[in-house]
PDB file of N, CA and C in Angstrom:
ATOM      1  N   MET A   1      17.422 -28.295   2.502  1.00  0.00           N
ATOM      2  CA  MET A   1      16.356 -27.685   1.695  1.00  0.00           C
ATOM      3  C   MET A   1      15.623 -29.000   0.771  1.00  0.00           C
ATOM      4  N   CYS A   2      14.419 -29.249   0.850  1.00  0.00           N
ATOM      5  CA  CYS A   2      13.842 -30.339  -0.206  1.00  0.00           C
ATOM      6  C   CYS A   2      13.375 -29.848  -1.174  1.00  0.00           C
ATOM      7  N   LEU A   3      13.479 -30.863  -2.206  1.00  0.00           N
ATOM      8  CA  LEU A   3      12.921 -30.374  -3.687  1.00  0.00           C
ATOM      9  C   LEU A   3      12.252 -31.329  -4.301  1.00  0.00           C
ATOM     10  N   ALA A   4      10.991 -31.105  -4.745  1.00  0.00           N
ATOM     11  CA  ALA A   4      10.209 -31.931  -5.463  1.00  0.00           C
ATOM     12  C   ALA A   4       9.962 -31.264  -6.899  1.00  0.00           C
ATOM     13  N   VAL A   5      10.211 -32.416  -7.728  1.00  0.00           N
ATOM     14  CA  VAL A   5      10.233 -31.959  -9.135  1.00  0.00           C
ATOM     15  C   VAL A   5       9.342 -32.725  -9.654  1.00  0.00           C
ATOM     16  N   PRO A   6       8.650 -31.827 -10.739  1.00  0.00           N
ATOM     17  CA  PRO A   6       7.431 -32.771 -11.635  1.00  0.00           C
ATOM     18  C   PRO A   6       8.014 -33.671 -12.402  1.00  0.00           C
ATOM     19  N   GLY A   7       7.063 -34.683 -12.391  1.00  0.00           N
ATOM     20  CA  GLY A   7       7.326 -35.851 -13.469  1.00  0.00           C
ATOM     21  C   GLY A   7       6.259 -36.372 -14.130  1.00  0.00           C
ATOM     22  N   LYS A   8       6.244 -36.510 -15.428  1.00  0.00           N
ATOM     23  CA  LYS A   8       4.971 -37.015 -16.057  1.00  0.00           C
ATOM     24  C   LYS A   8       4.808 -38.481 -16.084  1.00  0.00           C
ATOM     25  N   ILE A   9       3.640 -38.945 -15.507  1.00  0.00           N
ATOM     26  CA  ILE A   9       3.630 -40.384 -15.501  1.00  0.00           C
ATOM     27  C   ILE A   9       3.370 -41.031 -17.140  1.00  0.00           C
ATOM     28  N   LEU A  10       4.199 -41.803 -17.209  1.00  0.00           N
ATOM     29  CA  LEU A  10       4.427 -42.665 -18.457  1.00  0.00           C
ATOM     30  C   LEU A  10       3.469 -44.219 -18.397  1.00  0.00           C
ATOM     31  N   GLN A  11       3.842 -44.703 -17.399  1.00  0.00           N
ATOM     32  CA  GLN A  11       3.000 -45.809 -17.245  1.00  0.00           C
ATOM     33  C   GLN A  11       2.784 -46.292 -15.717  1.00  0.00           C
ATOM     34  N   ILE A  12       1.680 -47.115 -15.525  1.00  0.00           N
ATOM     35  CA  ILE A  12       1.617 -47.365 -13.954  1.00  0.00           C
ATOM     36  C   ILE A  12       1.376 -48.950 -14.008  1.00  0.00           C
ATOM     37  N   ASN A  13       2.264 -49.599 -12.901  1.00  0.00           N
ATOM     38  CA  ASN A  13       2.104 -50.951 -12.825  1.00  0.00           C
ATOM     39  C   ASN A  13       0.975 -51.372 -11.763  1.00  0.00           C
ATOM     40  N   PRO A  14       0.628 -52.577 -11.788  1.00  0.00           N
ATOM     41  CA  PRO A  14      -0.392 -52.993 -10.799  1.00  0.00           C
ATOM     42  C   PRO A  14      -0.250 -52.951  -9.307  1.00  0.00           C
ATOM     43  N   LEU A  15       1.068 -52.577  -8.932  1.00  0.00           N
ATOM     44  CA  LEU A  15       1.574 -52.634  -7.893  1.00  0.00           C
ATOM     45  C   LEU A  15       1.489 -50.926  -7.386  1.00  0.00           C
ATOM     46  N   GLY A  16       1.027 -50.017  -8.132  1.00  0.00           N
ATOM     47  CA  GLY A  16       0.907 -48.720  -7.693  1.00  0.00           C
ATOM     48  C   GLY A  16       2.367 -47.826  -7.911  1.00  0.00           C
ATOM     49  N   ARG A  17       3.016 -48.511  -8.550  1.00  0.00           N
ATOM     50  CA  ARG A  17       4.348 -47.843  -8.883  1.00  0.00           C
ATOM     51  C   ARG A  17       4.172 -47.332 -10.277  1.00  0.00           C
ATOM     52  N   ALA A  18       4.880 -46.186 -10.616  1.00  0.00           N
ATOM     53  CA  ALA A  18       4.951 -45.503 -12.022  1.00  0.00           C
ATOM     54  C   ALA A  18       6.105 -45.305 -12.446  1.00  0.00           C
ATOM     55  N   THR A  19       6.420 -45.253 -13.991  1.00  0.00           N
ATOM     56  CA  THR A  19       7.239 -44.765 -14.625  1.00  0.00           C
ATOM     57  C   THR A  19       7.297 -43.546 -14.921  1.00  0.00           C
ATOM     58  N   VAL A  20       7.885 -42.422 -14.592  1.00  0.00           N
ATOM     59  CA  VAL A  20       7.672 -41.142 -14.545  1.00  0.00           C
ATOM     60  C   VAL A  20       8.865 -40.347 -15.257  1.00  0.00           C
ATOM     61  N   ASP A  21       8.799 -39.358 -16.240  1.00  0.00           N
ATOM     62  CA  ASP A  21       9.766 -38.604 -16.906  1.00  0.00           C
ATOM     63  C   ASP A  21      10.117 -37.590 -16.061  1.00  0.00           C
ATOM     64  N   MET A  22      11.203 -37.248 -15.685  1.00  0.00           N
ATOM     65  CA  MET A  22      11.570 -36.184 -15.297  1.00  0.00           C
ATOM     66  C   MET A  22      12.643 -35.533 -15.694  1.00  0.00           C
ATOM     67  N   LEU A  23      12.678 -34.244 -16.622  1.00  0.00           N
ATOM     68  CA  LEU A  23      13.637 -33.574 -17.143  1.00  0.00           C
ATOM     69  C   LEU A  23      14.244 -34.765 -18.257  1.00  0.00           C
ATOM     70  N   GLY A  24      13.456 -35.818 -18.943  1.00  0.00           N
ATOM     71  CA  GLY A  24      14.037 -36.543 -19.644  1.00  0.00           C
ATOM     72  C   GLY A  24      14.685 -37.772 -19.239  1.00  0.00           C
ATOM     73  N   VAL A  25      14.808 -37.921 -17.879  1.00  0.00           N
ATOM     74  CA  VAL A  25      15.171 -38.899 -17.246  1.00  0.00           C
ATOM     75  C   VAL A  25      13.896 -39.847 -16.711  1.00  0.00           C
ATOM     76  N   GLN A  26      14.026 -41.133 -16.945  1.00  0.00           N
ATOM     77  CA  GLN A  26      12.728 -42.189 -16.553  1.00  0.00           C
ATOM     78  C   GLN A  26      13.336 -42.559 -15.120  1.00  0.00           C
ATOM     79  N   ARG A  27      12.050 -42.494 -13.920  1.00  0.00           N
ATOM     80  CA  ARG A  27      12.364 -42.927 -12.882  1.00  0.00           C
ATOM     81  C   ARG A  27      11.351 -43.783 -12.609  1.00  0.00           C
ATOM     82  N   GLU A  28      11.416 -44.717 -11.596  1.00  0.00           N
ATOM     83  CA  GLU A  28      10.139 -45.497 -10.945  1.00  0.00           C
ATOM     84  C   GLU A  28       9.873 -44.700  -9.540  1.00  0.00           C
ATOM     85  N   VAL A  29       8.572 -44.682  -9.317  1.00  0.00           N
ATOM     86  CA  VAL A  29       8.253 -43.760  -8.052  1.00  0.00           C
ATOM     87  C   VAL A  29       6.722 -44.534  -7.715  1.00  0.00           C
ATOM     88  N   SER A  30       6.654 -44.526  -6.216  1.00  0.00           N
ATOM     89  CA  SER A  30       5.394 -44.806  -5.955  1.00  0.00           C
ATOM     90  C   SER A  30       4.252 -43.784  -5.972  1.00  0.00           C
ATOM     91  N   LEU A  31       3.171 -44.225  -6.076  1.00  0.00           N
ATOM     92  CA  LEU A  31       2.104 -43.503  -6.105  1.00  0.00           C
ATOM     93  C   LEU A  31       0.996 -43.829  -5.058  1.00  0.00           C
ATOM     94  N   ARG A  32       1.728 -44.272  -3.961  1.00  0.00           N
ATOM     95  CA  ARG A  32       0.740 -44.728  -2.999  1.00  0.00           C
ATOM     96  C   ARG A  32       0.002 -43.250  -2.126  1.00  0.00           C
ATOM     97  N   LEU A  33       0.899 -42.019  -2.370  1.00  0.00           N
ATOM     98  CA  LEU A  33       0.415 -41.062  -1.810  1.00  0.00           C
ATOM     99  C   LEU A  33      -0.766 -40.233  -2.636  1.00  0.00           C
ATOM    100  N   VAL A  34      -0.945 -40.576  -3.997  1.00  0.00           N
ATOM    101  CA  VAL A  34      -1.772 -39.872  -4.970  1.00  0.00           C
ATOM    102  C   VAL A  34      -2.392 -40.976  -5.949  1.00  0.00           C
ATOM    103  N   PRO A  35      -3.182 -41.848  -5.280  1.00  0.00           N
ATOM    104  CA  PRO A  35      -3.670 -43.064  -5.944  1.00  0.00           C
ATOM    105  C   PRO A  35      -4.512 -42.798  -6.999  1.00  0.00           C
ATOM    106  N   THR A  36      -5.021 -41.488  -7.123  1.00  0.00           N
ATOM    107  CA  THR A  36      -5.825 -41.195  -8.275  1.00  0.00           C
ATOM    108  C   THR A  36      -5.234 -40.751  -9.459  1.00  0.00           C
ATOM    109  N   ALA A  37      -3.757 -40.629  -9.278  1.00  0.00           N
ATOM    110  CA  ALA A  37      -2.720 -40.483 -10.418  1.00  0.00           C
ATOM    111  C   ALA A  37      -3.257 -41.181 -11.719  1.00  0.00           C
ATOM    112  N   GLN A  38      -3.031 -40.581 -12.919  1.00  0.00           N
ATOM    113  CA  GLN A  38      -3.345 -41.464 -14.129  1.00  0.00           C
ATOM    114  C   GLN A  38      -1.956 -41.253 -15.199  1.00  0.00           C
ATOM    115  N   VAL A  39      -2.075 -41.885 -16.067  1.00  0.00           N
ATOM    116  CA  VAL A  39      -0.912 -41.767 -17.082  1.00  0.00           C
ATOM    117  C   VAL A  39      -1.244 -40.473 -17.781  1.00  0.00           C
ATOM    118  N   ASP A  40      -0.125 -39.854 -17.934  1.00  0.00           N
ATOM    119  CA  ASP A  40       0.057 -38.485 -18.488  1.00  0.00           C
ATOM    120  C   ASP A  40      -0.230 -37.402 -17.680  1.00  0.00           C
ATOM    121  N   ASP A  41      -0.637 -37.518 -16.130  1.00  0.00           N
ATOM    122  CA  ASP A  41      -0.633 -36.733 -15.344  1.00  0.00           C
ATOM    123  C   ASP A  41       0.696 -36.200 -14.641  1.00  0.00           C
ATOM    124  N   TYR A  42       0.895 -35.213 -14.347  1.00  0.00           N
ATOM    125  CA  TYR A  42       2.152 -34.770 -13.786  1.00  0.00           C
ATOM    126  C   TYR A  42       2.040 -34.796 -12.229  1.00  0.00           C
ATOM    127  N   VAL A  43       3.112 -35.487 -11.636  1.00  0.00           N
ATOM    128  CA  VAL A  43       3.065 -35.512 -10.266  1.00  0.00           C
ATOM    129  C   VAL A  43       4.369 -34.921  -9.522  1.00  0.00           C
ATOM    130  N   LEU A  44       4.165 -34.386  -8.408  1.00  0.00           N
ATOM    131  CA  LEU A  44       5.568 -33.922  -8.013  1.00  0.00           C
ATOM    132  C   LEU A  44       6.207 -35.084  -7.300  1.00  0.00           C
ATOM    133  N   VAL A  45       7.450 -35.237  -7.509  1.00  0.00           N
ATOM    134  CA  VAL A  45       8.189 -36.271  -6.821  1.00  0.00           C
ATOM    135  C   VAL A  45       9.202 -35.656  -6.028  1.00  0.00           C
ATOM    136  N   HIS A  46       9.166 -36.512  -4.708  1.00  0.00           N
ATOM    137  CA  HIS A  46      10.088 -36.255  -3.718  1.00  0.00           C
ATOM    138  C   HIS A  46      10.562 -37.647  -2.870  1.00  0.00           C
ATOM    139  N   ALA A  47      11.690 -37.818  -2.997  1.00  0.00           N
ATOM    140  CA  ALA A  47      12.176 -39.013  -2.235  1.00  0.00           C
ATOM    141  C   ALA A  47      11.594 -40.417  -2.759  1.00  0.00           C
ATOM    142  N   GLY A  48      11.394 -40.583  -4.179  1.00  0.00           N
ATOM    143  CA  GLY A  48      10.799 -41.744  -4.680  1.00  0.00           C
ATOM    144  C   GLY A  48       9.418 -41.830  -4.605  1.00  0.00           C
ATOM    145  N   PHE A  49       8.588 -40.810  -4.011  1.00  0.00           N
ATOM    146  CA  PHE A  49       7.154 -40.819  -4.040  1.00  0.00           C
ATOM    147  C   PHE A  49       6.569 -39.864  -4.784  1.00  0.00           C
ATOM    148  N   GLY A  50       5.505 -40.093  -5.534  1.00  0.00           N
ATOM    149  CA  GLY A  50       4.761 -39.088  -6.007  1.00  0.00           C
ATOM    150  C   GLY A  50       3.942 -38.377  -4.971  1.00  0.00           C
ATOM    151  N   ILE A  51       3.981 -37.121  -4.711  1.00  0.00           N
ATOM    152  CA  ILE A  51       3.305 -36.390  -3.391  1.00  0.00           C
ATOM    153  C   ILE A  51       2.047 -35.836  -3.770  1.00  0.00           C
ATOM    154  N   GLN A  52       1.874 -35.389  -5.137  1.00  0.00           N
ATOM    155  CA  GLN A  52       0.666 -34.403  -5.307  1.00  0.00           C
ATOM    156  C   GLN A  52       0.764 -34.482  -6.826  1.00  0.00           C
ATOM    157  N   VAL A  53      -0.575 -34.417  -7.427  1.00  0.00           N
ATOM    158  CA  VAL A  53      -0.795 -34.332  -8.900  1.00  0.00           C
ATOM    159  C   VAL A  53      -0.866 -32.825  -9.158  1.00  0.00           C
ATOM    160  N   ILE A  54      -0.246 -32.346 -10.160  1.00  0.00           N
ATOM    161  CA  ILE A  54      -0.390 -30.949 -10.298  1.00  0.00           C
ATOM    162  C   ILE A  54      -0.917 -30.665 -11.846  1.00  0.00           C
ATOM    163  N   ASP A  55      -1.279 -29.465 -12.166  1.00  0.00           N
ATOM    164  CA  ASP A  55      -1.567 -29.118 -13.399  1.00  0.00           C
ATOM    165  C   ASP A  55      -0.496 -29.240 -14.215  1.00  0.00           C
ATOM    166  N   PRO A  56      -0.752 -29.454 -15.789  1.00  0.00           N
ATOM    167  CA  PRO A  56       0.487 -29.355 -16.595  1.00  0.00           C
ATOM    168  C   PRO A  56       1.046 -28.188 -16.780  1.00  0.00           C
ATOM    169  N   ALA A  57       0.357 -27.360 -16.784  1.00  0.00           N
ATOM    170  CA  ALA A  57       1.139 -25.764 -16.930  1.00  0.00           C
ATOM    171  C   ALA A  57       2.004 -25.432 -15.793  1.00  0.00           C
ATOM    172  N   GLU A  58       1.568 -25.703 -14.581  1.00  0.00           N
ATOM    173  CA  GLU A  58       2.306 -25.639 -13.450  1.00  0.00           C
ATOM    174  C   GLU A  58       3.678 -26.498 -13.472  1.00  0.00           C
ATOM    175  N   ALA A  59       3.571 -27.722 -14.000  1.00  0.00           N
ATOM    176  CA  ALA A  59       4.428 -28.401 -14.000  1.00  0.00           C
ATOM    177  C   ALA A  59       5.577 -28.006 -15.068  1.00  0.00           C
ATOM    178  N   GLU A  60       5.103 -27.536 -16.282  1.00  0.00           N
ATOM    179  CA  GLU A  60       6.007 -26.867 -17.259  1.00  0.00           C
ATOM    180  C   GLU A  60       6.656 -25.784 -16.626  1.00  0.00           C
ATOM    181  N   GLU A  61       6.076 -24.760 -16.152  1.00  0.00           N
ATOM    182  CA  GLU A  61       6.566 -23.687 -15.699  1.00  0.00           C
ATOM    183  C   GLU A  61       7.899 -24.024 -14.571  1.00  0.00           C
ATOM    184  N   THR A  62       7.470 -24.948 -13.639  1.00  0.00           N
ATOM    185  CA  THR A  62       8.196 -25.634 -12.516  1.00  0.00           C
ATOM    186  C   THR A  62       9.629 -26.272 -13.220  1.00  0.00           C
ATOM    187  N   LEU A  63       9.309 -26.946 -14.314  1.00  0.00           N
ATOM    188  CA  LEU A  63      10.650 -27.687 -15.116  1.00  0.00           C
ATOM    189  C   LEU A  63      11.477 -26.524 -15.532  1.00  0.00           C
ATOM    190  N   ARG A  64      10.741 -25.376 -16.114  1.00  0.00           N
ATOM    191  CA  ARG A  64      11.530 -24.663 -16.710  1.00  0.00           C
ATOM    192  C   ARG A  64      12.622 -23.870 -15.922  1.00  0.00           C
ATOM    193  N   LEU A  65      11.859 -23.607 -14.412  1.00  0.00           N
ATOM    194  CA  LEU A  65      12.820 -22.852 -13.482  1.00  0.00           C
ATOM    195  C   LEU A  65      13.811 -23.862 -13.265  1.00  0.00           C
ATOM    196  N   VAL A  66      13.608 -25.150 -12.968  1.00  0.00           N
ATOM    197  CA  VAL A  66      14.659 -26.117 -12.401  1.00  0.00           C
ATOM    198  C   VAL A  66      15.817 -26.040 -13.461  1.00  0.00           C
ATOM    199  N   ARG A  67      15.321 -25.844 -14.812  1.00  0.00           N
ATOM    200  CA  ARG A  67      16.454 -26.079 -15.856  1.00  0.00           C
ATOM    201  C   ARG A  67      17.296 -24.835 -15.873  1.00  0.00           C
ATOM    202  N   GLU A  68      16.750 -23.706 -15.582  1.00  0.00           N
ATOM    203  CA  GLU A  68      17.535 -22.347 -15.066  1.00  0.00           C
ATOM    204  C   GLU A  68      18.339 -22.423 -14.115  1.00  0.00           C
ATOM    205  N   LEU A  69      18.365 -23.471 -12.956  1.00  0.00           N
ATOM    206  CA  LEU A  69      18.756 -23.224 -11.658  1.00  0.00           C
ATOM    207  C   LEU A  69      20.497 -23.290 -12.029  1.00  0.00           C
ATOM    208  N   PRO A  70      20.956 -24.107 -12.932  1.00  0.00           N
ATOM    209  CA  PRO A  70      22.403 -24.297 -13.042  1.00  0.00           C
ATOM    210  C   PRO A  70      22.913 -22.751 -13.330  1.00  0.00           C
ATOM    211  N   ASP A  71      22.283 -22.066 -14.397  1.00  0.00           N
ATOM    212  CA  ASP A  71      22.593 -20.797 -14.873  1.00  0.00           C
ATOM    213  C   ASP A  71      22.562 -19.732 -13.620  1.00  0.00           C
ATOM    214  N   LEU A  72      21.703 -19.938 -12.952  1.00  0.00           N
ATOM    215  CA  LEU A  72      21.343 -18.854 -11.779  1.00  0.00           C
ATOM    216  C   LEU A  72      22.421 -19.020 -10.762  1.00  0.00           C
ATOM    217  N   PHE A  73      22.803 -20.330 -10.578  1.00  0.00           N
ATOM    218  CA  PHE A  73      23.844 -20.720  -9.600  1.00  0.00           C
ATOM    219  C   PHE A  73      25.199 -19.988 -10.193  1.00  0.00           C
ATOM    220  N   ASP A  74      25.404 -20.298 -11.493  1.00  0.00           N
ATOM    221  CA  ASP A  74      26.397 -19.947 -12.024  1.00  0.00           C
ATOM    222  C   ASP A  74      26.724 -18.211 -11.804  1.00  0.00           C
ATOM    223  N   GLU A  75      25.605 -17.688 -11.841  1.00  0.00           N
ATOM    224  CA  GLU A  75      25.501 -16.002 -11.846  1.00  0.00           C
ATOM    225  C   GLU A  75      25.577 -15.734 -10.385  1.00  0.00           C
ATOM    226  N   ASP A  76      25.270 -16.445  -9.515  1.00  0.00           N
ATOM    227  CA  ASP A  76      25.363 -16.064  -7.985  1.00  0.00           C
ATOM    228  C   ASP A  76      26.931 -16.287  -7.541  1.00  0.00           C
ATOM    229  N   LEU A  77      27.374 -17.396  -8.182  1.00  0.00           N
ATOM    230  CA  LEU A  77      28.747 -17.533  -7.621  1.00  0.00           C
ATOM    231  C   LEU A  77      29.516 -16.587  -8.528  1.00  0.00           C
ATOM    232  N   ALA A  78      29.388 -16.130  -9.530  1.00  0.00           N
ATOM    233  CA  ALA A  78      30.266 -15.196 -10.302  1.00  0.00           C
ATOM    234  C   ALA A  78      30.028 -13.635  -9.377  1.00  0.00           C
ATOM    235  N   GLN A  79      28.925 -13.505  -9.036  1.00  0.00           N
ATOM    236  CA  GLN A  79      28.784 -12.250  -8.154  1.00  0.00           C
ATOM    237  C   GLN A  79      29.326 -12.391  -6.758  1.00  0.00           C
ATOM    238  N   ALA A  80      29.290 -13.550  -6.073  1.00  0.00           N
ATOM    239  CA  ALA A  80      29.944 -13.847  -4.968  1.00  0.00           C
ATOM    240  C   ALA A  80      31.420 -13.835  -5.044  1.00  0.00           C
ATOM    241  N   GLU A  81      32.071 -14.325  -6.021  1.00  0.00           N
ATOM    242  CA  GLU A  81      33.666 -13.993  -6.273  1.00  0.00           C
ATOM    243  C   GLU A  81      33.773 -12.758  -6.673  1.00  0.00           C
ATOM    244  N   ALA A  82      33.342 -12.009  -7.336  1.00  0.00           N
ATOM    245  CA  ALA A  82      33.294 -10.641  -7.594  1.00  0.00           C
ATOM    246  C   ALA A  82      33.302  -9.696  -6.467  1.00  0.00           C
ATOM    247  N   ALA A  83      32.287  -9.901  -5.572  1.00  0.00           N
ATOM    248  CA  ALA A  83      32.275  -9.170  -4.266  1.00  0.00           C
ATOM    249  C   ALA A  83      33.558  -9.515  -3.486  1.00  0.00           C
ATOM    250  N   GLU A  84      33.779 -10.902  -3.411  1.00  0.00           N
ATOM    251  CA  GLU A  84      35.133 -11.131  -2.614  1.00  0.00           C
ATOM    252  C   GLU A  84      36.112 -10.549  -2.773  1.00  0.00           C
ATOM    253  N   GLU A  85      36.374 -10.443  -4.314  1.00  0.00           N
ATOM    254  CA  GLU A  85      37.685  -9.718  -4.873  1.00  0.00           C
ATOM    255  C   GLU A  85      37.694  -8.352  -4.520  1.00  0.00           C
ATOM    256  N   LEU A  86      36.584  -7.762  -4.527  1.00  0.00           N
ATOM    257  CA  LEU A  86      36.514  -6.280  -4.258  1.00  0.00           C
ATOM    258  C   LEU A  86      36.782  -6.135  -2.795  1.00  0.00           C
ATOM    259  N   SER A  87      36.062  -6.854  -1.840  1.00  0.00           N
ATOM    260  CA  SER A  87      36.285  -6.874  -0.637  1.00  0.00           C
ATOM    261  C   SER A  87      37.680  -7.134   0.095  1.00  0.00           C
ATOM    262  N   THR A  88      38.346  -7.867  -0.730  1.00  0.00           N
ATOM    263  CA  THR A  88      39.708  -8.289  -0.537  1.00  0.00           C
ATOM    264  C   THR A  88      40.688  -7.056  -0.910  1.00  0.00           C
ATOM    265  N   GLN A  89      40.364  -6.550  -1.937  1.00  0.00           N
ATOM    266  CA  GLN A  89      41.050  -5.200  -2.398  1.00  0.00           C
ATOM    267  C   GLN A  89      41.037  -4.063  -1.608  1.00  0.00           C
ATOM    268  N   ALA A  90      39.908  -3.960  -0.982  1.00  0.00           N
ATOM    269  CA  ALA A  90      39.444  -2.790  -0.176  1.00  0.00           C
ATOM    270  C   ALA A  90      40.197  -3.023   1.187  1.00  0.00           C
ATOM    271  N   GLU A  91      40.477  -4.081   1.736  1.00  0.00           N
ATOM    272  CA  GLU A  91      40.934  -4.322   2.875  1.00  0.00           C
ATOM    273  C   GLU A  91      42.076  -3.720   3.152  1.00  0.00           C
ATOM    274  N   PRO A  92      42.617  -3.001   4.319  1.00  0.00           N
ATOM    275  CA  PRO A  92      43.922  -2.448   4.502  1.00  0.00           C
ATOM    276  C   PRO A  92      44.864  -3.694   4.746  1.00  0.00           C
ATOM    277  N   SER A  93      46.136  -3.408   4.052  1.00  0.00           N
ATOM    278  CA  SER A  93      47.308  -4.310   4.301  1.00  0.00           C
ATOM    279  C   SER A  93      47.702  -4.192   5.497  1.00  0.00           C
ATOM    280  N   LEU A  94      48.139  -4.948   6.134  1.00  0.00           N
ATOM    281  CA  LEU A  94      48.909  -5.172   7.586  1.00  0.00           C
ATOM    282  C   LEU A  94      50.451  -4.933   7.154  1.00  0.00           C
ATOM    283  N   ASP A  95      50.979  -5.010   6.121  1.00  0.00           N
ATOM    284  CA  ASP A  95      52.173  -4.576   5.869  1.00  0.00           C
ATOM    285  C   ASP A  95      52.510  -3.240   5.778  1.00  0.00           C
ATOM    286  N   ASP A  96      51.588  -2.281   5.615  1.00  0.00           N
ATOM    287  CA  ASP A  96      51.681  -0.931   5.535  1.00  0.00           C
ATOM    288  C   ASP A  96      51.333  -0.345   6.879  1.00  0.00           C
ATOM    289  N   GLY A  97      51.001  -1.072   8.231  1.00  0.00           N
ATOM    290  CA  GLY A  97      50.377  -0.448   9.266  1.00  0.00           C
ATOM    291  C   GLY A  97      49.044  -0.167   9.263  1.00  0.00           C
ATOM    292  N   GLY A  98      48.337  -0.851   8.083  1.00  0.00           N
ATOM    293  CA  GLY A  98      46.703  -0.474   8.135  1.00  0.00           C
ATOM    294  C   GLY A  98      46.407   0.622   7.316  1.00  0.00           C
ATOM    295  N   ALA A  99      47.302   1.347   6.770  1.00  0.00           N
ATOM    296  CA  ALA A  99      47.092   2.534   5.848  1.00  0.00           C
ATOM    297  C   ALA A  99      46.511   1.941   4.520  1.00  0.00           C
ATOM    298  N   ALA A 100      45.665   2.657   4.269  1.00  0.00           N
ATOM    299  CA  ALA A 100      44.881   1.923   2.754  1.00  0.00           C
ATOM    300  C   ALA A 100      45.551   2.658   1.756  1.00  0.00           C
TER     301      ALA A 100
END
């Protein structure tokens, strides 16, 4: 699975590289694929490249969802562990001849 994360362009150098802020972390990315991008624009960043300029509202919504991912993962993991526990309890024991 590939994930592109929005980054806000903070500055652009003459070589077409930009410093972007992604969730509070500054990264340098190439803007070769989005040559019209400007300072304060949001770009989707994947593998060190800005791949698309996006609307600020869309960027903020995507960033909100990305911030929620760890919590969603923890919830999914807890549900999977609970389901595993229930299925383990429901399996017949080999020690009693398969009778539950």
